[in-house]
Protein backbone atom coordinates (compact mmCIF):
# COMPACT_ATOMS: atom_id res chain seq x y z
CA UNK A 1 -11.38 -3.64 6.74
CA UNK A 2 -7.95 -5.06 5.91
CA UNK A 3 -5.82 -7.59 7.74
CA UNK A 4 -3.66 -4.71 8.97
CA UNK A 5 -6.54 -3.31 11.00
CA UNK A 6 -6.97 -6.70 12.64
CA UNK A 7 -3.24 -6.92 13.37
CA UNK A 8 -3.29 -3.51 15.03
CA UNK A 9 -6.47 -4.28 16.96
CA UNK A 10 -5.04 -7.56 18.25
CA UNK A 11 -1.81 -5.86 19.32
CA UNK A 12 -3.67 -3.20 21.30
CA UNK A 13 -5.91 -5.79 22.97
CA UNK A 14 -3.19 -8.33 23.76
CA UNK A 15 -0.67 -5.91 25.28
CA UNK A 16 -1.83 -4.23 28.46
CA UNK A 17 0.89 -1.58 28.59
CA UNK A 18 2.07 0.12 25.40
CA UNK A 19 4.29 3.09 24.61
CA UNK A 20 3.23 5.10 21.58
CA UNK A 21 6.33 6.51 19.86
CA UNK A 22 5.69 9.37 17.44
CA UNK A 23 8.16 11.35 15.35
CA UNK A 24 7.15 14.94 16.07
CA UNK A 25 10.01 16.76 14.36
CA UNK A 26 12.75 16.08 11.83
CA UNK A 27 15.68 18.25 10.79
CA UNK A 28 17.62 17.35 7.68
CA UNK A 29 17.73 13.79 6.40
CA UNK A 30 15.76 11.18 8.36
CA UNK A 31 14.53 7.63 7.61
CA UNK A 32 10.87 8.50 8.22
CA UNK A 33 8.70 11.61 8.16
CA UNK A 34 7.02 13.51 10.98
CA UNK A 35 3.83 11.88 12.35
CA UNK A 36 5.23 8.38 11.79
CA UNK A 37 4.39 6.12 14.72
CA UNK A 38 5.26 2.79 16.23
CA UNK A 39 4.04 0.96 19.31
CA UNK A 40 6.18 -0.77 21.92
CA UNK A 41 5.06 -3.14 24.67
CA UNK A 42 7.16 -4.97 27.24
CA UNK A 43 7.63 -7.94 24.89
CA UNK A 44 6.63 -6.84 21.42
CA UNK A 45 6.62 -4.00 18.88
CA UNK A 46 4.43 -2.93 16.00
CA UNK A 47 5.33 -0.54 13.19
CA UNK A 48 8.58 1.22 12.43
CA UNK A 49 9.99 4.73 12.72
CA UNK A 50 12.88 3.91 10.40
CA UNK A 51 14.82 0.97 11.78
CA UNK A 52 18.52 1.01 12.59
CA UNK A 53 20.01 2.44 15.76
CA UNK A 54 17.32 5.12 15.92
CA UNK A 55 14.62 2.53 16.37
CA UNK A 56 16.79 0.38 18.64
CA UNK A 57 17.29 3.32 21.01
CA UNK A 58 13.60 4.21 21.00
CA UNK A 59 12.52 0.63 21.72
CA UNK A 60 14.99 0.22 24.57
CA UNK A 61 14.04 3.56 26.09
CA UNK A 62 10.33 2.75 25.80
CA UNK A 63 10.81 -0.56 27.62
CA UNK A 64 12.76 1.25 30.31
CA UNK A 65 9.86 3.68 30.68
CA UNK A 66 7.46 0.78 31.19
CA UNK A 67 9.70 -0.89 33.77
CA UNK A 68 10.22 2.38 35.69
CA UNK A 69 6.60 3.52 35.29
CA UNK A 70 7.51 6.68 33.36
CA UNK A 71 4.45 7.94 31.50
CA UNK A 72 5.89 10.50 29.07
CA UNK A 73 9.26 11.43 27.62
CA UNK A 74 10.91 12.99 24.56
CA UNK A 75 14.04 11.76 22.82
CA UNK A 76 16.15 14.04 20.64
CA UNK A 77 18.46 11.90 18.54
CA UNK A 78 21.17 12.96 16.10
CA UNK A 79 21.44 10.49 13.25
CA UNK A 80 25.20 10.59 12.99
CA UNK A 81 28.24 8.38 13.57
CA UNK A 82 27.81 8.57 17.35
CA UNK A 83 24.89 6.12 17.06
CA UNK A 84 26.16 4.29 13.99
CA UNK A 85 23.94 6.01 11.41
CA UNK A 86 24.84 8.29 8.55
CA UNK A 87 21.56 10.07 7.70
CA UNK A 88 23.00 13.28 9.13
CA UNK A 89 19.70 14.69 10.34
CA UNK A 90 18.00 14.95 13.70
CA UNK A 91 14.80 13.38 14.96
CA UNK A 92 12.60 14.25 17.90
CA UNK A 93 10.45 11.38 19.16
CA UNK A 94 7.57 11.76 21.61
CA UNK A 95 6.97 8.76 23.88
CA UNK A 96 3.83 8.27 25.94
CA UNK A 97 2.13 5.34 27.60
CA UNK A 98 -1.28 4.62 26.14
CA UNK A 99 -4.42 4.57 28.23
CA UNK A 100 -7.62 2.91 27.05
CA UNK A 101 -8.83 6.17 25.53
CA UNK A 102 -5.56 6.52 23.61
CA UNK A 103 -5.92 3.00 22.24
CA UNK A 104 -9.47 3.73 21.16
CA UNK A 105 -8.46 6.94 19.39
CA UNK A 106 -5.48 5.30 17.68
CA UNK A 107 -7.60 2.41 16.44
CA UNK A 108 -10.34 4.77 15.25
CA UNK A 109 -7.82 6.86 13.29
CA UNK A 110 -6.31 3.72 11.80
CA UNK A 111 -9.77 2.54 10.76
CA UNK A 112 -10.48 5.85 8.99
CA UNK A 113 -7.21 5.62 7.07
CA UNK A 114 -7.86 1.97 6.32
CA UNK A 115 -11.17 2.86 4.68
CA UNK A 116 -9.48 5.52 2.54
CA UNK A 117 -7.00 3.11 0.98
CA UNK A 118 -6.87 3.48 -2.80
CA UNK A 119 -8.45 0.57 -4.64
CA UNK A 120 -6.47 -1.41 -7.20
CA UNK A 121 -8.59 -3.57 -9.47
CA UNK A 122 -6.65 -6.46 -10.97
CA UNK A 123 -8.82 -7.57 -13.86
CA UNK A 124 -7.81 -11.14 -14.55
CA UNK A 125 -6.75 -13.92 -12.20
CA UNK A 126 -4.30 -15.64 -14.50
CA UNK A 127 -0.61 -16.14 -13.75
CA UNK A 128 0.35 -12.45 -13.80
CA UNK A 129 -2.83 -11.34 -12.05
CA UNK A 130 -2.28 -13.71 -9.15
CA UNK A 131 1.41 -12.78 -8.96
CA UNK A 132 0.42 -9.12 -8.83
CA UNK A 133 -2.07 -9.79 -6.04
CA UNK A 134 0.74 -11.40 -4.03
CA UNK A 135 2.75 -8.19 -4.40
CA UNK A 136 -0.09 -5.80 -3.66
CA UNK A 137 -1.20 -7.56 -0.47
CA UNK A 138 1.82 -6.04 1.28
CA UNK A 139 1.29 -2.49 0.00
CA UNK A 140 -0.98 0.35 1.19
CA UNK A 141 -3.81 -0.42 -1.22
CA UNK A 142 -7.02 -2.40 -1.26
CA UNK A 143 -6.53 -5.00 -3.97
CA UNK A 144 -9.54 -6.61 -5.67
CA UNK A 145 -8.79 -9.53 -7.96
CA UNK A 146 -11.63 -10.05 -10.45
CA UNK A 147 -12.30 -12.84 -12.92
CA UNK A 148 -15.20 -14.71 -14.47
CA UNK A 149 -13.40 -18.04 -13.93
CA UNK A 150 -13.95 -19.49 -10.48
CA UNK A 151 -11.13 -22.03 -10.86
CA UNK A 152 -8.56 -19.30 -11.48
CA UNK A 153 -9.74 -17.27 -8.50
CA UNK A 154 -9.39 -20.35 -6.29
CA UNK A 155 -5.69 -20.50 -7.16
CA UNK A 156 -5.09 -17.09 -5.57
CA UNK A 157 -3.16 -17.45 -2.31
CA UNK A 158 -2.82 -13.72 -1.62
CA UNK A 159 -4.69 -12.10 1.25
CA UNK A 160 -6.80 -9.88 -1.01
CA UNK A 161 -10.44 -9.69 -2.01
CA UNK A 162 -11.32 -12.08 -4.83
CA UNK A 163 -14.46 -11.39 -6.80
CA UNK A 164 -16.25 -13.63 -9.29
CA UNK A 165 -17.85 -11.40 -11.90
CA UNK A 166 -19.63 -12.28 -15.12
CA UNK A 167 -19.67 -8.63 -16.23
CA UNK A 168 -16.42 -7.13 -14.90
CA UNK A 169 -16.96 -3.80 -16.65
CA UNK A 170 -19.73 -3.19 -14.12
CA UNK A 171 -17.20 -3.55 -11.32
CA UNK A 172 -15.17 -0.81 -12.97
CA UNK A 173 -18.20 1.46 -13.27
CA UNK A 174 -18.99 1.04 -9.56
CA UNK A 175 -15.40 1.51 -8.32
CA UNK A 176 -14.47 4.48 -6.10
CA UNK A 177 -12.99 7.59 -7.68
CA UNK A 178 -9.23 7.61 -8.00
CA UNK A 179 -8.85 3.86 -8.31
CA UNK A 180 -6.23 2.01 -10.35
CA UNK A 181 -7.03 -0.63 -12.96
CA UNK A 182 -4.64 -3.30 -14.18
CA UNK A 183 -6.17 -5.20 -17.08
CA UNK A 184 -4.73 -8.60 -17.95
CA UNK A 185 -7.53 -11.01 -18.77
CA UNK A 186 -7.37 -14.13 -20.92
CA UNK A 187 -9.29 -12.41 -23.74
CA UNK A 188 -8.00 -9.47 -25.83
CA UNK A 189 -11.53 -8.36 -26.71
CA UNK A 190 -12.42 -8.27 -23.01
CA UNK A 191 -9.21 -6.36 -22.30
CA UNK A 192 -10.36 -3.66 -24.73
CA UNK A 193 -13.83 -3.45 -23.16
CA UNK A 194 -12.38 -3.12 -19.64
CA UNK A 195 -9.70 -0.65 -20.64
CA UNK A 196 -12.31 1.45 -22.41
CA UNK A 197 -14.58 1.39 -19.34
CA UNK A 198 -11.71 2.47 -17.07
CA UNK A 199 -10.66 5.32 -19.37
CA UNK A 200 -14.25 6.45 -19.84
CA UNK A 201 -14.52 7.13 -16.10
CA UNK A 202 -11.96 9.94 -16.49
CA UNK A 203 -10.97 9.71 -12.82
CA UNK A 204 -8.59 6.74 -12.71
CA UNK A 205 -5.17 7.26 -11.15
CA UNK A 206 -3.78 4.47 -13.29
CA UNK A 207 -5.01 2.39 -16.22
CA UNK A 208 -2.70 -0.30 -17.50
CA UNK A 209 -3.27 -3.12 -19.99
CA UNK A 210 -1.01 -6.08 -20.57
CA UNK A 211 0.19 -6.43 -24.12
CA UNK A 212 2.47 -4.92 -26.71
CA UNK A 213 2.89 -1.64 -28.58
CA UNK A 214 0.92 -3.21 -31.42
CA UNK A 215 -1.94 -4.02 -29.06
CA UNK A 216 -1.91 -0.40 -27.85
CA UNK A 217 -2.25 0.89 -31.42
CA UNK A 218 -5.15 -1.52 -32.10
CA UNK A 219 -6.86 -0.48 -28.87
CA UNK A 220 -6.67 3.22 -29.76
CA UNK A 221 -8.39 2.52 -33.08
CA UNK A 222 -11.03 0.41 -31.32
CA UNK A 223 -11.61 3.11 -28.70
CA UNK A 224 -12.14 5.85 -31.29
CA UNK A 225 -14.75 3.72 -33.05
CA UNK A 226 -16.63 2.72 -29.88
CA UNK A 227 -16.55 5.89 -27.79
CA UNK A 228 -17.90 9.34 -28.58
CA UNK A 229 -14.99 10.96 -26.83
CA UNK A 230 -12.06 10.43 -29.19
CA UNK A 231 -9.58 11.87 -26.70
CA UNK A 232 -7.79 8.90 -25.19
CA UNK A 233 -6.54 9.67 -21.71
CA UNK A 234 -3.17 8.44 -20.55
CA UNK A 235 -2.93 4.71 -20.11
CA UNK A 236 -0.05 2.27 -19.97
CA UNK A 237 0.51 -0.52 -22.47
CA UNK A 238 2.72 -2.49 -22.23
CA UNK A 239 2.68 -2.52 -18.44
CA UNK A 240 5.76 -2.81 -16.27
CA UNK A 241 9.31 -2.15 -17.37
CA UNK A 242 9.37 -2.33 -21.16
CA UNK A 243 13.15 -2.76 -21.06
CA UNK A 244 12.82 -5.92 -18.98
CA UNK A 245 13.02 -9.11 -21.05
CA UNK A 246 12.20 -11.51 -18.22
CA UNK A 247 8.65 -12.71 -18.83
CA UNK A 248 8.14 -14.66 -15.61
CA UNK A 249 4.83 -13.62 -13.99
CA UNK A 250 6.46 -12.72 -10.66
CA UNK A 251 9.01 -10.46 -12.35
CA UNK A 252 6.39 -8.72 -14.49
CA UNK A 253 4.20 -8.29 -11.40
CA UNK A 254 7.00 -6.63 -9.44
CA UNK A 255 7.48 -3.98 -12.14
CA UNK A 256 3.74 -3.42 -12.46
CA UNK A 257 3.31 -3.07 -8.69
CA UNK A 258 6.01 -0.39 -8.61
CA UNK A 259 4.37 1.37 -11.56
CA UNK A 260 0.96 1.42 -9.88
CA UNK A 261 2.28 2.59 -6.50
CA UNK A 262 4.25 5.37 -8.17
CA UNK A 263 1.11 6.68 -9.86
CA UNK A 264 -1.04 6.37 -6.74
CA UNK A 265 1.30 8.02 -4.27
CA UNK A 266 3.69 10.30 -6.16
CA UNK A 267 1.64 13.40 -5.26
CA UNK A 268 0.10 12.31 -1.94
CA UNK A 269 0.32 14.68 1.01
CA UNK A 270 2.64 13.15 3.61
CA UNK A 271 0.04 13.65 6.35
CA UNK A 272 -2.40 11.50 4.38
CA UNK A 273 -0.04 8.58 3.90
CA UNK A 274 -1.11 5.23 5.26
CA UNK A 275 1.53 3.25 7.11
CA UNK A 276 1.33 -0.51 6.72
CA UNK A 277 4.70 -1.24 8.27
CA UNK A 278 3.04 -3.24 11.00
CA UNK A 279 5.84 -5.72 11.32
CA UNK A 280 7.29 -7.08 14.51
CA UNK A 281 10.78 -5.82 15.19
CA UNK A 282 13.37 -8.11 16.72
CA UNK A 283 15.57 -6.44 19.32
């Protein structure tokens, strides 16, 4: 269970009356896809259907519904210059006040999606590892930061799982199918062991190892000596944007986070996407 589940649960419990706004149809260009939802109470909001004037109109109309005791409505909005947007498409938004059963069903669905989040194993809690955890805490993944050094794990300020492990390759072996592995420990020999374990699973969505092109060549030779299967599956080394010359941990982490997310979600069915845009919207 992530912090986002708790945020959603608290919102549903704290606000007695809530309008559930759902995009049910889009035509042409739109800021969000069909099935995207947000929740509007008399004094607060959670989620986003795309921001801008579209969202402003939906929030205002939802609050009007609550004040006038209107239970259901549909808004058909053209995303053109008449509302100050230039997407050019059209959006149909269903609005309905939530009863207790609706809240229960929404929370249950959110919980199911929460449990299906792809796992990202950050193997190494050094400077780049901790910086990467800070990035991943805001993304639709379950980040696990693993290290054998308790002092380094204690320095992590991100809201992610931290795991002290003396044999981190076992954590890789026990990980769910389709996970991502970012390997950046303090020990090159350990990096090779962990990268080999991740590749040997043959089901990883992403395997990346910090280092250089030279390190990649050395790893390939090591892998062919230590594994029966000489076919090395795709893995990334160096990680992040190789054209970037800024070596600050936060900059490297930002490129790596984008790289991981691209691999995890580039072919995901839109209906299976997990929305973590549970931010409060100022109106």
